[in-house]
């Protein structure tokens, strides 16, 4: 397996895990367990970002174009009104 494939596979797995953590956190009543899962999620988010930066440096991953400022303002306005 090539390095690029391995990095992309790990990124995909971590991204899926982050979604799973969010679901568990939202459904957990026990505050101590909720804090523990939140800490694990935060650590995985930092790992994911570091791996993303490495992948980008190596040319394995190319981010989407930055959003237009008008588009960002429309999204902010939409969610501010909710």
C-alpha atoms as a PDB file:
ATOM      1  CA  UNK A   1       0.000   0.000   0.000  1.00  0.00           C
ATOM      2  CA  UNK A   2       1.347   3.422  -0.924  1.00  0.00           C
ATOM      3  CA  UNK A   3       1.914   6.104   1.698  1.00  0.00           C
ATOM      4  CA  UNK A   4      -0.717   8.322   0.090  1.00  0.00           C
ATOM      5  CA  UNK A   5      -3.322   5.559   0.317  1.00  0.00           C
ATOM      6  CA  UNK A   6      -2.456   4.862   3.949  1.00  0.00           C
ATOM      7  CA  UNK A   7      -2.716   8.525   4.935  1.00  0.00           C
ATOM      8  CA  UNK A   8      -6.024   8.957   3.120  1.00  0.00           C
ATOM      9  CA  UNK A   9      -7.357   5.761   4.695  1.00  0.00           C
ATOM     10  CA  UNK A  10      -6.442   6.953   8.194  1.00  0.00           C
ATOM     11  CA  UNK A  11      -7.980  10.383   7.509  1.00  0.00           C
ATOM     12  CA  UNK A  12     -11.187   8.737   6.372  1.00  0.00           C
ATOM     13  CA  UNK A  13     -11.286   6.486   9.428  1.00  0.00           C
ATOM     14  CA  UNK A  14     -10.659   9.350  11.845  1.00  0.00           C
ATOM     15  CA  UNK A  15     -13.320  11.471  10.159  1.00  0.00           C
ATOM     16  CA  UNK A  16     -15.831   8.645  10.603  1.00  0.00           C
ATOM     17  CA  UNK A  17     -14.803   8.280  14.246  1.00  0.00           C
ATOM     18  CA  UNK A  18     -15.354  12.002  14.844  1.00  0.00           C
ATOM     19  CA  UNK A  19     -18.907  11.668  13.559  1.00  0.00           C
ATOM     20  CA  UNK A  20     -19.448   8.697  15.844  1.00  0.00           C
ATOM     21  CA  UNK A  21     -18.114  10.580  18.854  1.00  0.00           C
ATOM     22  CA  UNK A  22     -20.488  13.464  18.167  1.00  0.00           C
ATOM     23  CA  UNK A  23     -23.436  11.067  18.143  1.00  0.00           C
ATOM     24  CA  UNK A  24     -22.339   9.384  21.385  1.00  0.00           C
ATOM     25  CA  UNK A  25     -21.751  12.722  23.130  1.00  0.00           C
ATOM     26  CA  UNK A  26     -25.177  13.984  22.118  1.00  0.00           C
ATOM     27  CA  UNK A  27     -26.858  10.872  23.536  1.00  0.00           C
ATOM     28  CA  UNK A  28     -24.849  10.441  26.742  1.00  0.00           C
ATOM     29  CA  UNK A  29     -26.474  11.480  30.005  1.00  0.00           C
ATOM     30  CA  UNK A  30     -23.609  10.542  32.337  1.00  0.00           C
ATOM     31  CA  UNK A  31     -21.535  13.730  32.644  1.00  0.00           C
ATOM     32  CA  UNK A  32     -18.248  11.945  33.413  1.00  0.00           C
ATOM     33  CA  UNK A  33     -18.594   9.661  30.386  1.00  0.00           C
ATOM     34  CA  UNK A  34     -19.603  12.635  28.263  1.00  0.00           C
ATOM     35  CA  UNK A  35     -16.454  14.539  29.299  1.00  0.00           C
ATOM     36  CA  UNK A  36     -14.263  11.503  28.618  1.00  0.00           C
ATOM     37  CA  UNK A  37     -15.685  11.006  25.118  1.00  0.00           C
ATOM     38  CA  UNK A  38     -15.341  14.756  24.473  1.00  0.00           C
ATOM     39  CA  UNK A  39     -11.649  14.614  25.438  1.00  0.00           C
ATOM     40  CA  UNK A  40     -11.093  11.632  23.145  1.00  0.00           C
ATOM     41  CA  UNK A  41     -12.880  13.450  20.325  1.00  0.00           C
ATOM     42  CA  UNK A  42     -10.772  16.574  20.867  1.00  0.00           C
ATOM     43  CA  UNK A  43      -7.554  14.534  20.733  1.00  0.00           C
ATOM     44  CA  UNK A  44      -8.713  12.842  17.526  1.00  0.00           C
ATOM     45  CA  UNK A  45      -9.554  16.236  16.018  1.00  0.00           C
ATOM     46  CA  UNK A  46      -6.004  17.439  16.732  1.00  0.00           C
ATOM     47  CA  UNK A  47      -4.578  14.219  15.268  1.00  0.00           C
ATOM     48  CA  UNK A  48      -6.799  14.552  12.198  1.00  0.00           C
ATOM     49  CA  UNK A  49      -5.692  18.143  11.632  1.00  0.00           C
ATOM     50  CA  UNK A  50      -1.997  17.281  12.004  1.00  0.00           C
ATOM     51  CA  UNK A  51      -2.378  14.381   9.586  1.00  0.00           C
ATOM     52  CA  UNK A  52      -4.309  16.607   7.166  1.00  0.00           C
ATOM     53  CA  UNK A  53      -1.466  19.161   7.238  1.00  0.00           C
ATOM     54  CA  UNK A  54       1.059  16.382   6.547  1.00  0.00           C
ATOM     55  CA  UNK A  55      -1.046  15.054   3.678  1.00  0.00           C
ATOM     56  CA  UNK A  56      -1.358  18.529   2.216  1.00  0.00           C
ATOM     57  CA  UNK A  57       2.419  19.135   2.500  1.00  0.00           C
ATOM     58  CA  UNK A  58       3.117  15.871   0.685  1.00  0.00           C
ATOM     59  CA  UNK A  59       0.572  16.682  -2.030  1.00  0.00           C
ATOM     60  CA  UNK A  60      -1.712  13.805  -1.005  1.00  0.00           C
ATOM     61  CA  UNK A  61      -4.648  16.047  -0.272  1.00  0.00           C
ATOM     62  CA  UNK A  62      -5.855  19.266  -1.840  1.00  0.00           C
ATOM     63  CA  UNK A  63      -8.334  21.397   0.059  1.00  0.00           C
ATOM     64  CA  UNK A  64     -11.347  22.894  -1.631  1.00  0.00           C
ATOM     65  CA  UNK A  65     -11.200  26.497  -2.713  1.00  0.00           C
ATOM     66  CA  UNK A  66     -11.922  28.960   0.094  1.00  0.00           C
ATOM     67  CA  UNK A  67     -15.533  30.038   0.311  1.00  0.00           C
ATOM     68  CA  UNK A  68     -16.488  33.413  -1.052  1.00  0.00           C
ATOM     69  CA  UNK A  69     -17.039  36.049   1.683  1.00  0.00           C
ATOM     70  CA  UNK A  70     -20.586  36.675   0.432  1.00  0.00           C
ATOM     71  CA  UNK A  71     -21.396  32.970   0.778  1.00  0.00           C
ATOM     72  CA  UNK A  72     -19.972  32.939   4.300  1.00  0.00           C
ATOM     73  CA  UNK A  73     -22.054  35.948   5.272  1.00  0.00           C
ATOM     74  CA  UNK A  74     -25.212  34.323   3.911  1.00  0.00           C
ATOM     75  CA  UNK A  75     -24.588  31.184   5.971  1.00  0.00           C
ATOM     76  CA  UNK A  76     -23.861  33.241   9.096  1.00  0.00           C
ATOM     77  CA  UNK A  77     -27.040  35.238   8.600  1.00  0.00           C
ATOM     78  CA  UNK A  78     -29.086  32.104   8.059  1.00  0.00           C
ATOM     79  CA  UNK A  79     -27.902  30.464  11.272  1.00  0.00           C
ATOM     80  CA  UNK A  80     -28.031  33.684  13.302  1.00  0.00           C
ATOM     81  CA  UNK A  81     -31.736  33.922  12.534  1.00  0.00           C
ATOM     82  CA  UNK A  82     -32.516  30.449  13.872  1.00  0.00           C
END
